[in-house]
PDB file of all heavy atoms in Angstrom:
ATOM      1  N   ALA A   1      -2.536   5.047  -4.136  1.00  0.00           N
ATOM      2  CA  ALA A   1      -2.966   5.809  -5.266  1.00  0.00           C
ATOM      3  C   ALA A   1      -1.732   6.507  -6.002  1.00  0.00           C
ATOM      4  O   ALA A   1      -1.700   6.529  -7.254  1.00  0.00           O
ATOM      5  CB  ALA A   1      -4.030   6.887  -4.811  1.00  0.00           C
ATOM      6  N   VAL A   2      -0.872   7.042  -5.232  1.00  0.00           N
ATOM      7  CA  VAL A   2       0.382   7.795  -5.797  1.00  0.00           C
ATOM      8  C   VAL A   2       1.239   6.727  -6.422  1.00  0.00           C
ATOM      9  O   VAL A   2       1.846   6.943  -7.549  1.00  0.00           O
ATOM     10  CB  VAL A   2       1.030   8.553  -4.677  1.00  0.00           C
ATOM     11  CG1 VAL A   2       2.382   9.054  -5.299  1.00  0.00           C
ATOM     12  CG2 VAL A   2       0.139   9.668  -4.301  1.00  0.00           C
ATOM     13  N   ALA A   3       1.417   5.619  -5.827  1.00  0.00           N
ATOM     14  CA  ALA A   3       2.322   4.512  -6.335  1.00  0.00           C
ATOM     15  C   ALA A   3       2.014   4.152  -7.777  1.00  0.00           C
ATOM     16  O   ALA A   3       2.879   3.868  -8.541  1.00  0.00           O
ATOM     17  CB  ALA A   3       2.307   3.317  -5.436  1.00  0.00           C
ATOM     18  N   ARG A   4       0.757   4.059  -8.044  1.00  0.00           N
ATOM     19  CA  ARG A   4       0.260   3.682  -9.409  1.00  0.00           C
ATOM     20  C   ARG A   4       0.777   4.693 -10.428  1.00  0.00           C
ATOM     21  O   ARG A   4       0.871   4.261 -11.712  1.00  0.00           O
ATOM     22  CB  ARG A   4      -1.254   3.581  -9.420  1.00  0.00           C
ATOM     23  CG  ARG A   4      -1.866   2.447  -8.572  1.00  0.00           C
ATOM     24  CD  ARG A   4      -3.291   2.236  -8.876  1.00  0.00           C
ATOM     25  NE  ARG A   4      -4.156   3.378  -8.444  1.00  0.00           N
ATOM     26  CZ  ARG A   4      -4.701   3.372  -7.209  1.00  0.00           C
ATOM     27  NH1 ARG A   4      -4.483   2.407  -6.399  1.00  0.00           N
ATOM     28  NH2 ARG A   4      -5.452   4.371  -6.855  1.00  0.00           N
ATOM     29  N   LEU A   5       1.171   5.903 -10.115  1.00  0.00           N
ATOM     30  CA  LEU A   5       1.610   6.916 -11.020  1.00  0.00           C
ATOM     31  C   LEU A   5       3.141   6.935 -11.101  1.00  0.00           C
ATOM     32  O   LEU A   5       3.642   7.759 -11.809  1.00  0.00           O
ATOM     33  CB  LEU A   5       1.052   8.269 -10.561  1.00  0.00           C
ATOM     34  CG  LEU A   5      -0.433   8.424 -10.487  1.00  0.00           C
ATOM     35  CD1 LEU A   5      -0.882   9.719  -9.839  1.00  0.00           C
ATOM     36  CD2 LEU A   5      -1.138   8.191 -11.849  1.00  0.00           C
ATOM     37  N   CYS A   6       3.766   6.041 -10.368  1.00  0.00           N
ATOM     38  CA  CYS A   6       5.269   6.222 -10.306  1.00  0.00           C
ATOM     39  C   CYS A   6       6.058   5.198 -11.061  1.00  0.00           C
ATOM     40  O   CYS A   6       7.328   5.230 -10.988  1.00  0.00           O
ATOM     41  CB  CYS A   6       5.689   6.095  -8.762  1.00  0.00           C
ATOM     42  SG  CYS A   6       5.058   7.450  -7.735  1.00  0.00           S
ATOM     43  N   VAL A   7       5.438   4.315 -11.757  1.00  0.00           N
ATOM     44  CA  VAL A   7       6.088   3.227 -12.536  1.00  0.00           C
ATOM     45  C   VAL A   7       7.060   3.864 -13.532  1.00  0.00           C
ATOM     46  O   VAL A   7       6.667   4.657 -14.483  1.00  0.00           O
ATOM     47  CB  VAL A   7       5.108   2.329 -13.234  1.00  0.00           C
ATOM     48  CG1 VAL A   7       5.773   1.212 -14.030  1.00  0.00           C
ATOM     49  CG2 VAL A   7       4.189   1.687 -12.240  1.00  0.00           C
ATOM     50  N   GLY A   8       8.304   3.554 -13.369  1.00  0.00           N
ATOM     51  CA  GLY A   8       9.278   3.969 -14.344  1.00  0.00           C
ATOM     52  C   GLY A   8       9.667   5.446 -14.152  1.00  0.00           C
ATOM     53  O   GLY A   8      10.402   6.014 -14.977  1.00  0.00           O
ATOM     54  N   LYS A   9       9.251   6.107 -13.026  1.00  0.00           N
ATOM     55  CA  LYS A   9       9.461   7.582 -12.897  1.00  0.00           C
ATOM     56  C   LYS A   9      10.514   7.888 -11.853  1.00  0.00           C
ATOM     57  O   LYS A   9      10.853   7.028 -11.002  1.00  0.00           O
ATOM     58  CB  LYS A   9       8.134   8.201 -12.398  1.00  0.00           C
ATOM     59  CG  LYS A   9       6.923   7.886 -13.298  1.00  0.00           C
ATOM     60  CD  LYS A   9       7.057   8.547 -14.649  1.00  0.00           C
ATOM     61  CE  LYS A   9       5.785   8.477 -15.419  1.00  0.00           C
ATOM     62  NZ  LYS A   9       5.937   9.008 -16.820  1.00  0.00           N
ATOM     63  N   ARG A  10      11.049   9.111 -11.887  1.00  0.00           N
ATOM     64  CA  ARG A  10      11.976   9.607 -10.922  1.00  0.00           C
ATOM     65  C   ARG A  10      11.120  10.309  -9.796  1.00  0.00           C
ATOM     66  O   ARG A  10      10.373  11.159 -10.168  1.00  0.00           O
ATOM     67  CB  ARG A  10      12.928  10.622 -11.523  1.00  0.00           C
ATOM     68  CG  ARG A  10      13.834  10.107 -12.683  1.00  0.00           C
ATOM     69  CD  ARG A  10      14.403  11.223 -13.530  1.00  0.00           C
ATOM     70  NE  ARG A  10      13.400  11.955 -14.204  1.00  0.00           N
ATOM     71  CZ  ARG A  10      13.681  13.033 -14.928  1.00  0.00           C
ATOM     72  NH1 ARG A  10      14.916  13.569 -15.011  1.00  0.00           N
ATOM     73  NH2 ARG A  10      12.682  13.714 -15.548  1.00  0.00           N
ATOM     74  N   VAL A  11      11.271   9.841  -8.577  1.00  0.00           N
ATOM     75  CA  VAL A  11      10.355  10.330  -7.563  1.00  0.00           C
ATOM     76  C   VAL A  11      11.101  10.937  -6.419  1.00  0.00           C
ATOM     77  O   VAL A  11      12.103  10.480  -5.928  1.00  0.00           O
ATOM     78  CB  VAL A  11       9.568   9.176  -7.016  1.00  0.00           C
ATOM     79  CG1 VAL A  11       8.628   9.534  -5.895  1.00  0.00           C
ATOM     80  CG2 VAL A  11       8.793   8.454  -8.106  1.00  0.00           C
ATOM     81  N   LEU A  12      10.598  12.116  -5.998  1.00  0.00           N
ATOM     82  CA  LEU A  12      11.192  12.789  -4.791  1.00  0.00           C
ATOM     83  C   LEU A  12      10.069  12.746  -3.696  1.00  0.00           C
ATOM     84  O   LEU A  12       8.931  13.135  -3.921  1.00  0.00           O
ATOM     85  CB  LEU A  12      11.505  14.308  -5.176  1.00  0.00           C
ATOM     86  CG  LEU A  12      11.866  15.137  -3.831  1.00  0.00           C
ATOM     87  CD1 LEU A  12      13.067  14.696  -3.177  1.00  0.00           C
ATOM     88  CD2 LEU A  12      11.966  16.613  -4.392  1.00  0.00           C
ATOM     89  N   ASP A  13      10.381  12.154  -2.579  1.00  0.00           N
ATOM     90  CA  ASP A  13       9.447  12.025  -1.432  1.00  0.00           C
ATOM     91  C   ASP A  13       9.959  13.021  -0.297  1.00  0.00           C
ATOM     92  O   ASP A  13      10.935  12.633   0.421  1.00  0.00           O
ATOM     93  CB  ASP A  13       9.352  10.624  -0.867  1.00  0.00           C
ATOM     94  CG  ASP A  13       8.416  10.521   0.306  1.00  0.00           C
ATOM     95  OD1 ASP A  13       7.684  11.366   0.564  1.00  0.00           O
ATOM     96  OD2 ASP A  13       8.460   9.337   0.845  1.00  0.00           O
ATOM     97  N   ALA A  14       9.301  14.110  -0.118  1.00  0.00           N
ATOM     98  CA  ALA A  14       9.774  15.179   0.899  1.00  0.00           C
ATOM     99  C   ALA A  14       8.991  14.921   2.194  1.00  0.00           C
ATOM    100  O   ALA A  14       7.838  14.732   2.184  1.00  0.00           O
ATOM    101  CB  ALA A  14       9.645  16.590   0.345  1.00  0.00           C
ATOM    102  N   PHE A  15       9.717  14.967   3.350  1.00  0.00           N
ATOM    103  CA  PHE A  15       9.287  14.669   4.631  1.00  0.00           C
ATOM    104  C   PHE A  15       8.839  13.214   4.613  1.00  0.00           C
ATOM    105  O   PHE A  15       7.652  12.935   4.938  1.00  0.00           O
ATOM    106  CB  PHE A  15       8.059  15.554   4.968  1.00  0.00           C
ATOM    107  CG  PHE A  15       8.328  17.040   4.924  1.00  0.00           C
ATOM    108  CD1 PHE A  15       7.968  17.757   3.715  1.00  0.00           C
ATOM    109  CD2 PHE A  15       8.950  17.677   5.988  1.00  0.00           C
ATOM    110  CE1 PHE A  15       8.220  19.088   3.733  1.00  0.00           C
ATOM    111  CE2 PHE A  15       9.193  19.071   5.934  1.00  0.00           C
ATOM    112  CZ  PHE A  15       8.842  19.756   4.761  1.00  0.00           C
ATOM    113  N   CYS A  16       9.703  12.277   4.323  1.00  0.00           N
ATOM    114  CA  CYS A  16       9.311  10.885   4.086  1.00  0.00           C
ATOM    115  C   CYS A  16       9.020  10.065   5.337  1.00  0.00           C
ATOM    116  O   CYS A  16       8.509   9.028   5.298  1.00  0.00           O
ATOM    117  CB  CYS A  16      10.417  10.162   3.298  1.00  0.00           C
ATOM    118  SG  CYS A  16      12.005   9.952   4.281  1.00  0.00           S
ATOM    119  N   TYR A  17       9.459  10.594   6.616  1.00  0.00           N
ATOM    120  CA  TYR A  17       9.315   9.931   7.822  1.00  0.00           C
ATOM    121  C   TYR A  17       9.869   8.478   7.653  1.00  0.00           C
ATOM    122  O   TYR A  17      11.083   8.286   7.365  1.00  0.00           O
ATOM    123  CB  TYR A  17       7.897   9.975   8.267  1.00  0.00           C
ATOM    124  CG  TYR A  17       7.700   9.235   9.676  1.00  0.00           C
ATOM    125  CD1 TYR A  17       8.521   9.634  10.735  1.00  0.00           C
ATOM    126  CD2 TYR A  17       6.661   8.404   9.921  1.00  0.00           C
ATOM    127  CE1 TYR A  17       8.421   9.043  11.999  1.00  0.00           C
ATOM    128  CE2 TYR A  17       6.450   7.791  11.176  1.00  0.00           C
ATOM    129  CZ  TYR A  17       7.375   8.193  12.211  1.00  0.00           C
ATOM    130  OH  TYR A  17       7.173   7.577  13.434  1.00  0.00           O
ATOM    131  N   SER A  18       9.112   7.485   7.889  1.00  0.00           N
ATOM    132  CA  SER A  18       9.702   6.078   7.918  1.00  0.00           C
ATOM    133  C   SER A  18       9.649   5.359   6.548  1.00  0.00           C
ATOM    134  O   SER A  18       9.757   4.145   6.467  1.00  0.00           O
ATOM    135  CB  SER A  18       8.987   5.213   8.924  1.00  0.00           C
ATOM    136  OG  SER A  18       7.591   5.150   8.655  1.00  0.00           O
ATOM    137  N   GLY A  19       9.361   6.208   5.501  1.00  0.00           N
ATOM    138  CA  GLY A  19       9.470   5.582   4.183  1.00  0.00           C
ATOM    139  C   GLY A  19       8.262   5.885   3.355  1.00  0.00           C
ATOM    140  O   GLY A  19       8.303   6.320   2.157  1.00  0.00           O
ATOM    141  N   GLY A  20       7.017   5.601   3.872  1.00  0.00           N
ATOM    142  CA  GLY A  20       5.752   5.893   3.292  1.00  0.00           C
ATOM    143  C   GLY A  20       5.689   6.015   1.729  1.00  0.00           C
ATOM    144  O   GLY A  20       5.869   4.938   1.021  1.00  0.00           O
ATOM    145  N   PHE A  21       5.432   7.120   1.173  1.00  0.00           N
ATOM    146  CA  PHE A  21       5.216   7.332  -0.252  1.00  0.00           C
ATOM    147  C   PHE A  21       6.390   6.793  -1.029  1.00  0.00           C
ATOM    148  O   PHE A  21       6.223   6.189  -2.083  1.00  0.00           O
ATOM    149  CB  PHE A  21       4.942   8.816  -0.602  1.00  0.00           C
ATOM    150  CG  PHE A  21       3.568   9.261  -0.228  1.00  0.00           C
ATOM    151  CD1 PHE A  21       3.353   9.965   1.015  1.00  0.00           C
ATOM    152  CD2 PHE A  21       2.533   8.995  -1.047  1.00  0.00           C
ATOM    153  CE1 PHE A  21       2.111  10.325   1.319  1.00  0.00           C
ATOM    154  CE2 PHE A  21       1.271   9.440  -0.698  1.00  0.00           C
ATOM    155  CZ  PHE A  21       1.032  10.177   0.473  1.00  0.00           C
ATOM    156  N   GLY A  22       7.616   7.107  -0.646  1.00  0.00           N
ATOM    157  CA  GLY A  22       8.833   6.709  -1.414  1.00  0.00           C
ATOM    158  C   GLY A  22       8.929   5.189  -1.452  1.00  0.00           C
ATOM    159  O   GLY A  22       9.288   4.635  -2.575  1.00  0.00           O
ATOM    160  N   LEU A  23       8.696   4.420  -0.392  1.00  0.00           N
ATOM    161  CA  LEU A  23       8.786   3.029  -0.474  1.00  0.00           C
ATOM    162  C   LEU A  23       7.699   2.449  -1.370  1.00  0.00           C
ATOM    163  O   LEU A  23       8.010   1.481  -2.044  1.00  0.00           O
ATOM    164  CB  LEU A  23       8.636   2.436   1.022  1.00  0.00           C
ATOM    165  CG  LEU A  23       9.912   2.764   1.931  1.00  0.00           C
ATOM    166  CD1 LEU A  23       9.495   2.282   3.292  1.00  0.00           C
ATOM    167  CD2 LEU A  23      11.043   1.966   1.366  1.00  0.00           C
ATOM    168  N   TYR A  24       6.537   3.019  -1.253  1.00  0.00           N
ATOM    169  CA  TYR A  24       5.518   2.559  -2.149  1.00  0.00           C
ATOM    170  C   TYR A  24       5.880   2.756  -3.625  1.00  0.00           C
ATOM    171  O   TYR A  24       5.618   1.926  -4.556  1.00  0.00           O
ATOM    172  CB  TYR A  24       4.137   3.262  -1.945  1.00  0.00           C
ATOM    173  CG  TYR A  24       3.244   2.623  -0.969  1.00  0.00           C
ATOM    174  CD1 TYR A  24       3.503   2.468   0.390  1.00  0.00           C
ATOM    175  CD2 TYR A  24       2.039   2.015  -1.387  1.00  0.00           C
ATOM    176  CE1 TYR A  24       2.585   1.917   1.252  1.00  0.00           C
ATOM    177  CE2 TYR A  24       1.076   1.423  -0.548  1.00  0.00           C
ATOM    178  CZ  TYR A  24       1.437   1.430   0.847  1.00  0.00           C
ATOM    179  OH  TYR A  24       0.508   0.766   1.657  1.00  0.00           O
TER     180      TYR A  24
END
């Protein structure tokens, strides 16, 4: 759900663990 809002955006993923939100 979050990935759909990240197209062309600058993204900060805090507490990323093994990649999760940031990789998406």
